[in-house]
Amino acid sequence: MGVVTAVSLRKGHHFSKTNAMSIRLLRGLGVDGDAHMGETVKHRSRVAKDPNQPNLRQVHLLHEELFEELRPKNFIVRPGDMGENVTTRGVDLLALPAGTRLHLGESAVVEVTGLRNPCIQIDRFQKGLMAATLDKDADGNLIRKAGVMSVVLAEGDVRPGDAVRVELPDGPHQPLRPV
């Protein structure tokens, strides 16, 4: 089991989000009061392409262990800095298959839809950070480390200190792809 170490949201479209004591997840919408909340896409680049596509990026989760990996590379990143809504510890988010359900706290449940695809905004936050959140595996495949995206299946409040319980999907597991 993992743990929620921080929760964050922001009303306007900004790269970083503000830490909060708790956030409310709304079924099919995302984080109450967050700029990316909604049934259809809210990320500006995606809205420009097709504003009617479903929002598979309602809640962004990021593993706190990434901050420790970035520190020796001279990047100081704190919860919410990379735009995530939920910062976790003890769950290998990047290794989860698509469709994994994460139970957050007492009642909230999100379903992992895919990987966050890092964009140039990361470099605007800290120069060189985008490259530091990318890697290659032994076969030369790109590894994206900037967290996972999800949709809300069950409503609930999420707070730092809440447990994160992983429920893997049935059947053959599909690896995460950028969404």
C-alpha atoms as a PDB file:
ATOM      1  CA  MET A   1       0.000   0.000   0.000  1.00  0.00           C
ATOM      2  CA  GLY A   2       1.096   3.508  -0.741  1.00  0.00           C
ATOM      3  CA  VAL A   3       0.258   6.852   0.766  1.00  0.00           C
ATOM      4  CA  VAL A   4      -0.884  10.271  -0.437  1.00  0.00           C
ATOM      5  CA  THR A   5       1.801  12.770   0.571  1.00  0.00           C
ATOM      6  CA  ALA A   6       0.195  15.922  -0.878  1.00  0.00           C
ATOM      7  CA  VAL A   7      -2.860  17.134  -2.775  1.00  0.00           C
ATOM      8  CA  SER A   8      -2.994  20.187  -5.037  1.00  0.00           C
ATOM      9  CA  LEU A   9      -5.325  22.142  -7.301  1.00  0.00           C
ATOM     10  CA  ARG A  10      -5.543  25.465  -9.096  1.00  0.00           C
ATOM     11  CA  LYS A  11      -8.481  27.282 -10.661  1.00  0.00           C
ATOM     12  CA  GLY A  12      -6.601  28.910 -13.537  1.00  0.00           C
ATOM     13  CA  HIS A  13      -4.458  27.328 -16.231  1.00  0.00           C
ATOM     14  CA  HIS A  14      -0.986  27.420 -14.713  1.00  0.00           C
ATOM     15  CA  PHE A  15       1.818  24.868 -14.780  1.00  0.00           C
ATOM     16  CA  SER A  16       2.111  24.399 -11.017  1.00  0.00           C
ATOM     17  CA  LYS A  17      -0.749  23.770  -8.604  1.00  0.00           C
ATOM     18  CA  THR A  18      -1.254  24.988  -5.031  1.00  0.00           C
ATOM     19  CA  ASN A  19      -1.072  22.510  -2.145  1.00  0.00           C
ATOM     20  CA  ALA A  20      -4.278  22.045  -0.167  1.00  0.00           C
ATOM     21  CA  MET A  21      -5.384  20.333   3.033  1.00  0.00           C
ATOM     22  CA  SER A  22      -7.789  18.216   0.960  1.00  0.00           C
ATOM     23  CA  ILE A  23      -9.289  17.965  -2.503  1.00  0.00           C
ATOM     24  CA  ARG A  24     -12.696  16.654  -3.546  1.00  0.00           C
ATOM     25  CA  LEU A  25     -12.817  14.249  -6.486  1.00  0.00           C
ATOM     26  CA  LEU A  26     -16.054  14.376  -8.496  1.00  0.00           C
ATOM     27  CA  ARG A  27     -17.165  11.321 -10.487  1.00  0.00           C
ATOM     28  CA  GLY A  28     -16.551  11.733 -14.195  1.00  0.00           C
ATOM     29  CA  LEU A  29     -15.201  15.263 -13.762  1.00  0.00           C
ATOM     30  CA  GLY A  30     -11.983  15.397 -11.735  1.00  0.00           C
ATOM     31  CA  VAL A  31     -10.857  17.687  -8.923  1.00  0.00           C
ATOM     32  CA  ASP A  32     -13.537  20.105  -7.745  1.00  0.00           C
ATOM     33  CA  GLY A  33     -12.357  23.656  -8.467  1.00  0.00           C
ATOM     34  CA  ASP A  34      -9.367  22.645 -10.624  1.00  0.00           C
ATOM     35  CA  ALA A  35      -8.860  24.136 -14.097  1.00  0.00           C
ATOM     36  CA  HIS A  36      -8.699  20.643 -15.659  1.00  0.00           C
ATOM     37  CA  MET A  37     -12.040  19.470 -14.242  1.00  0.00           C
ATOM     38  CA  GLY A  38     -14.629  18.369 -16.785  1.00  0.00           C
ATOM     39  CA  GLU A  39     -16.005  15.571 -18.937  1.00  0.00           C
ATOM     40  CA  THR A  40     -14.222  16.904 -22.026  1.00  0.00           C
ATOM     41  CA  VAL A  41     -10.570  17.928 -22.394  1.00  0.00           C
ATOM     42  CA  LYS A  42      -9.411  21.062 -20.588  1.00  0.00           C
ATOM     43  CA  HIS A  43      -5.697  21.102 -21.434  1.00  0.00           C
ATOM     44  CA  ARG A  44      -5.374  24.014 -23.850  1.00  0.00           C
ATOM     45  CA  SER A  45      -3.392  22.156 -26.524  1.00  0.00           C
ATOM     46  CA  ARG A  46      -5.993  19.388 -26.624  1.00  0.00           C
ATOM     47  CA  VAL A  47      -8.924  21.811 -26.631  1.00  0.00           C
ATOM     48  CA  ALA A  48      -7.380  23.519 -29.682  1.00  0.00           C
ATOM     49  CA  LYS A  49      -7.321  20.193 -31.565  1.00  0.00           C
ATOM     50  CA  ASP A  50     -10.767  18.928 -30.547  1.00  0.00           C
ATOM     51  CA  PRO A  51     -12.671  20.394 -27.581  1.00  0.00           C
ATOM     52  CA  ASN A  52     -15.152  17.498 -27.598  1.00  0.00           C
ATOM     53  CA  GLN A  53     -12.729  14.654 -26.885  1.00  0.00           C
ATOM     54  CA  PRO A  54     -13.202  12.936 -23.520  1.00  0.00           C
ATOM     55  CA  ASN A  55     -11.087  14.140 -20.622  1.00  0.00           C
ATOM     56  CA  LEU A  56      -8.773  11.224 -19.811  1.00  0.00           C
ATOM     57  CA  ARG A  57      -6.613  13.611 -17.747  1.00  0.00           C
ATOM     58  CA  GLN A  58      -9.012  14.544 -14.936  1.00  0.00           C
ATOM     59  CA  VAL A  59      -6.579  13.745 -12.102  1.00  0.00           C
ATOM     60  CA  HIS A  60      -2.774  13.805 -12.439  1.00  0.00           C
ATOM     61  CA  LEU A  61      -0.829  11.614  -9.999  1.00  0.00           C
ATOM     62  CA  LEU A  62       2.922  11.826  -9.495  1.00  0.00           C
ATOM     63  CA  HIS A  63       5.242   9.688  -7.384  1.00  0.00           C
ATOM     64  CA  GLU A  64       7.208  11.646  -4.786  1.00  0.00           C
ATOM     65  CA  GLU A  65      10.206   9.378  -5.402  1.00  0.00           C
ATOM     66  CA  LEU A  66      10.781  11.324  -8.647  1.00  0.00           C
ATOM     67  CA  PHE A  67      11.674  14.438  -6.604  1.00  0.00           C
ATOM     68  CA  GLU A  68      14.476  12.486  -4.913  1.00  0.00           C
ATOM     69  CA  GLU A  69      15.708  11.206  -8.285  1.00  0.00           C
ATOM     70  CA  LEU A  70      15.834  14.773  -9.636  1.00  0.00           C
ATOM     71  CA  ARG A  71      17.640  16.327  -6.634  1.00  0.00           C
ATOM     72  CA  PRO A  72      21.151  15.039  -7.539  1.00  0.00           C
ATOM     73  CA  LYS A  73      20.578  16.524 -11.018  1.00  0.00           C
ATOM     74  CA  ASN A  74      20.135  19.952  -9.333  1.00  0.00           C
ATOM     75  CA  PHE A  75      16.352  20.166  -9.746  1.00  0.00           C
ATOM     76  CA  ILE A  76      14.295  21.183  -6.749  1.00  0.00           C
ATOM     77  CA  VAL A  77      10.729  19.974  -7.222  1.00  0.00           C
ATOM     78  CA  ARG A  78       8.045  19.961  -4.545  1.00  0.00           C
ATOM     79  CA  PRO A  79       4.494  18.581  -4.480  1.00  0.00           C
ATOM     80  CA  GLY A  80       2.262  20.438  -6.928  1.00  0.00           C
ATOM     81  CA  ASP A  81       5.189  22.003  -8.808  1.00  0.00           C
ATOM     82  CA  MET A  82       4.749  19.737 -11.842  1.00  0.00           C
ATOM     83  CA  GLY A  83       0.997  20.269 -11.989  1.00  0.00           C
ATOM     84  CA  GLU A  84      -0.054  17.071 -10.247  1.00  0.00           C
ATOM     85  CA  ASN A  85      -3.196  16.861  -8.151  1.00  0.00           C
ATOM     86  CA  VAL A  86      -2.111  13.894  -6.025  1.00  0.00           C
ATOM     87  CA  THR A  87       1.461  13.200  -4.925  1.00  0.00           C
ATOM     88  CA  THR A  88       2.063   9.623  -3.752  1.00  0.00           C
ATOM     89  CA  ARG A  89       4.772   7.539  -2.122  1.00  0.00           C
ATOM     90  CA  GLY A  90       5.218   3.782  -2.200  1.00  0.00           C
ATOM     91  CA  VAL A  91       3.333   3.028  -5.422  1.00  0.00           C
ATOM     92  CA  ASP A  92       5.204   2.442  -8.688  1.00  0.00           C
ATOM     93  CA  LEU A  93       2.711   4.473 -10.712  1.00  0.00           C
ATOM     94  CA  LEU A  94       4.652   4.176 -13.967  1.00  0.00           C
ATOM     95  CA  ALA A  95       4.596   0.358 -13.855  1.00  0.00           C
ATOM     96  CA  LEU A  96       0.822   0.100 -13.460  1.00  0.00           C
ATOM     97  CA  PRO A  97      -1.195  -1.266 -16.376  1.00  0.00           C
ATOM     98  CA  ALA A  98      -3.915   0.780 -18.042  1.00  0.00           C
ATOM     99  CA  GLY A  99      -7.219   0.419 -16.230  1.00  0.00           C
ATOM    100  CA  THR A 100      -5.684   0.079 -12.768  1.00  0.00           C
ATOM    101  CA  ARG A 101      -7.952   1.468 -10.078  1.00  0.00           C
ATOM    102  CA  LEU A 102      -6.410   3.471  -7.272  1.00  0.00           C
ATOM    103  CA  HIS A 103      -8.450   3.732  -4.092  1.00  0.00           C
ATOM    104  CA  LEU A 104      -7.557   7.028  -2.431  1.00  0.00           C
ATOM    105  CA  GLY A 105      -8.605   7.530   1.162  1.00  0.00           C
ATOM    106  CA  GLU A 106     -11.998   6.339   2.364  1.00  0.00           C
ATOM    107  CA  SER A 107     -14.075   6.487  -0.809  1.00  0.00           C
ATOM    108  CA  ALA A 108     -12.390   8.077  -3.850  1.00  0.00           C
ATOM    109  CA  VAL A 109     -11.422   5.815  -6.756  1.00  0.00           C
ATOM    110  CA  VAL A 110      -9.594   6.814  -9.935  1.00  0.00           C
ATOM    111  CA  GLU A 111      -8.833   4.691 -12.981  1.00  0.00           C
ATOM    112  CA  VAL A 112      -5.416   5.135 -14.564  1.00  0.00           C
ATOM    113  CA  THR A 113      -5.807   6.075 -18.247  1.00  0.00           C
ATOM    114  CA  GLY A 114      -2.184   6.597 -19.266  1.00  0.00           C
ATOM    115  CA  LEU A 115       1.088   8.423 -18.872  1.00  0.00           C
ATOM    116  CA  ARG A 116       1.524  12.151 -18.710  1.00  0.00           C
ATOM    117  CA  ASN A 117       3.449  13.191 -21.781  1.00  0.00           C
ATOM    118  CA  PRO A 118       5.914  15.862 -20.619  1.00  0.00           C
ATOM    119  CA  CYS A 119       5.773  19.053 -22.633  1.00  0.00           C
ATOM    120  CA  ILE A 120       7.858  22.208 -23.047  1.00  0.00           C
ATOM    121  CA  GLN A 121       6.106  23.816 -20.057  1.00  0.00           C
ATOM    122  CA  ILE A 122       8.296  21.641 -17.827  1.00  0.00           C
ATOM    123  CA  ASP A 123      11.381  23.396 -19.219  1.00  0.00           C
ATOM    124  CA  ARG A 124       9.759  26.788 -18.674  1.00  0.00           C
ATOM    125  CA  PHE A 125       9.382  25.821 -15.013  1.00  0.00           C
ATOM    126  CA  GLN A 126      13.028  24.682 -14.715  1.00  0.00           C
ATOM    127  CA  LYS A 127      15.334  24.585 -17.721  1.00  0.00           C
ATOM    128  CA  GLY A 128      16.361  21.012 -18.565  1.00  0.00           C
ATOM    129  CA  LEU A 129      13.693  19.403 -16.387  1.00  0.00           C
ATOM    130  CA  MET A 130      11.868  17.871 -19.360  1.00  0.00           C
ATOM    131  CA  ALA A 131      14.926  15.847 -20.357  1.00  0.00           C
ATOM    132  CA  ALA A 132      15.415  14.833 -16.722  1.00  0.00           C
ATOM    133  CA  THR A 133      11.873  13.372 -16.665  1.00  0.00           C
ATOM    134  CA  LEU A 134      12.601  11.237 -19.738  1.00  0.00           C
ATOM    135  CA  ASP A 135      14.784   8.148 -19.979  1.00  0.00           C
ATOM    136  CA  LYS A 136      15.354   5.105 -22.204  1.00  0.00           C
ATOM    137  CA  ASP A 137      14.983   1.459 -21.283  1.00  0.00           C
ATOM    138  CA  ALA A 138      17.434  -1.294 -22.290  1.00  0.00           C
ATOM    139  CA  ASP A 139      15.722  -1.595 -25.695  1.00  0.00           C
ATOM    140  CA  GLY A 140      15.909   2.147 -26.365  1.00  0.00           C
ATOM    141  CA  ASN A 141      12.210   2.786 -25.699  1.00  0.00           C
ATOM    142  CA  LEU A 142      11.281   6.149 -24.212  1.00  0.00           C
ATOM    143  CA  ILE A 143      10.345   6.172 -20.515  1.00  0.00           C
ATOM    144  CA  ARG A 144       8.118   9.047 -19.393  1.00  0.00           C
ATOM    145  CA  LYS A 145       8.478   9.741 -15.660  1.00  0.00           C
ATOM    146  CA  ALA A 146       6.141  12.739 -15.225  1.00  0.00           C
ATOM    147  CA  GLY A 147       3.325  10.743 -13.647  1.00  0.00           C
ATOM    148  CA  VAL A 148       0.064   9.170 -14.690  1.00  0.00           C
ATOM    149  CA  MET A 149      -3.345  10.524 -15.638  1.00  0.00           C
ATOM    150  CA  SER A 150      -6.687   9.187 -14.482  1.00  0.00           C
ATOM    151  CA  VAL A 151     -10.454   9.615 -14.442  1.00  0.00           C
ATOM    152  CA  VAL A 152     -12.644   9.654 -11.340  1.00  0.00           C
ATOM    153  CA  LEU A 153     -14.855   6.578 -10.873  1.00  0.00           C
ATOM    154  CA  ALA A 154     -15.995   7.244  -7.303  1.00  0.00           C
ATOM    155  CA  GLU A 155     -16.246  10.556  -5.481  1.00  0.00           C
ATOM    156  CA  GLY A 156     -14.506  11.394  -2.271  1.00  0.00           C
ATOM    157  CA  ASP A 157     -12.187  13.650  -0.362  1.00  0.00           C
ATOM    158  CA  VAL A 158      -8.445  12.989  -0.576  1.00  0.00           C
ATOM    159  CA  ARG A 159      -5.940  14.261   1.992  1.00  0.00           C
ATOM    160  CA  PRO A 160      -2.244  13.900   2.751  1.00  0.00           C
ATOM    161  CA  GLY A 161      -1.761  10.745   4.810  1.00  0.00           C
ATOM    162  CA  ASP A 162      -4.568   8.850   3.072  1.00  0.00           C
ATOM    163  CA  ALA A 163      -3.823   5.305   1.963  1.00  0.00           C
ATOM    164  CA  VAL A 164      -3.456   4.414  -1.717  1.00  0.00           C
ATOM    165  CA  ARG A 165      -4.691   0.917  -2.514  1.00  0.00           C
ATOM    166  CA  VAL A 166      -3.945  -0.561  -5.942  1.00  0.00           C
ATOM    167  CA  GLU A 167      -6.547  -2.724  -7.728  1.00  0.00           C
ATOM    168  CA  LEU A 168      -5.152  -4.257 -10.920  1.00  0.00           C
ATOM    169  CA  PRO A 169      -7.522  -4.866 -13.858  1.00  0.00           C
ATOM    170  CA  ASP A 170      -8.613  -8.356 -14.906  1.00  0.00           C
ATOM    171  CA  GLY A 171      -7.310 -10.037 -18.039  1.00  0.00           C
ATOM    172  CA  PRO A 172      -4.121  -9.343 -19.914  1.00  0.00           C
ATOM    173  CA  HIS A 173      -2.528  -6.111 -18.751  1.00  0.00           C
ATOM    174  CA  GLN A 174      -1.893  -3.318 -21.235  1.00  0.00           C
ATOM    175  CA  PRO A 175       1.097  -1.025 -20.651  1.00  0.00           C
ATOM    176  CA  LEU A 176       0.454   2.668 -20.127  1.00  0.00           C
ATOM    177  CA  ARG A 177       0.707   4.941 -23.129  1.00  0.00           C
ATOM    178  CA  PRO A 178       0.717   8.751 -23.223  1.00  0.00           C
ATOM    179  CA  VAL A 179      -2.729  10.350 -23.025  1.00  0.00           C
END
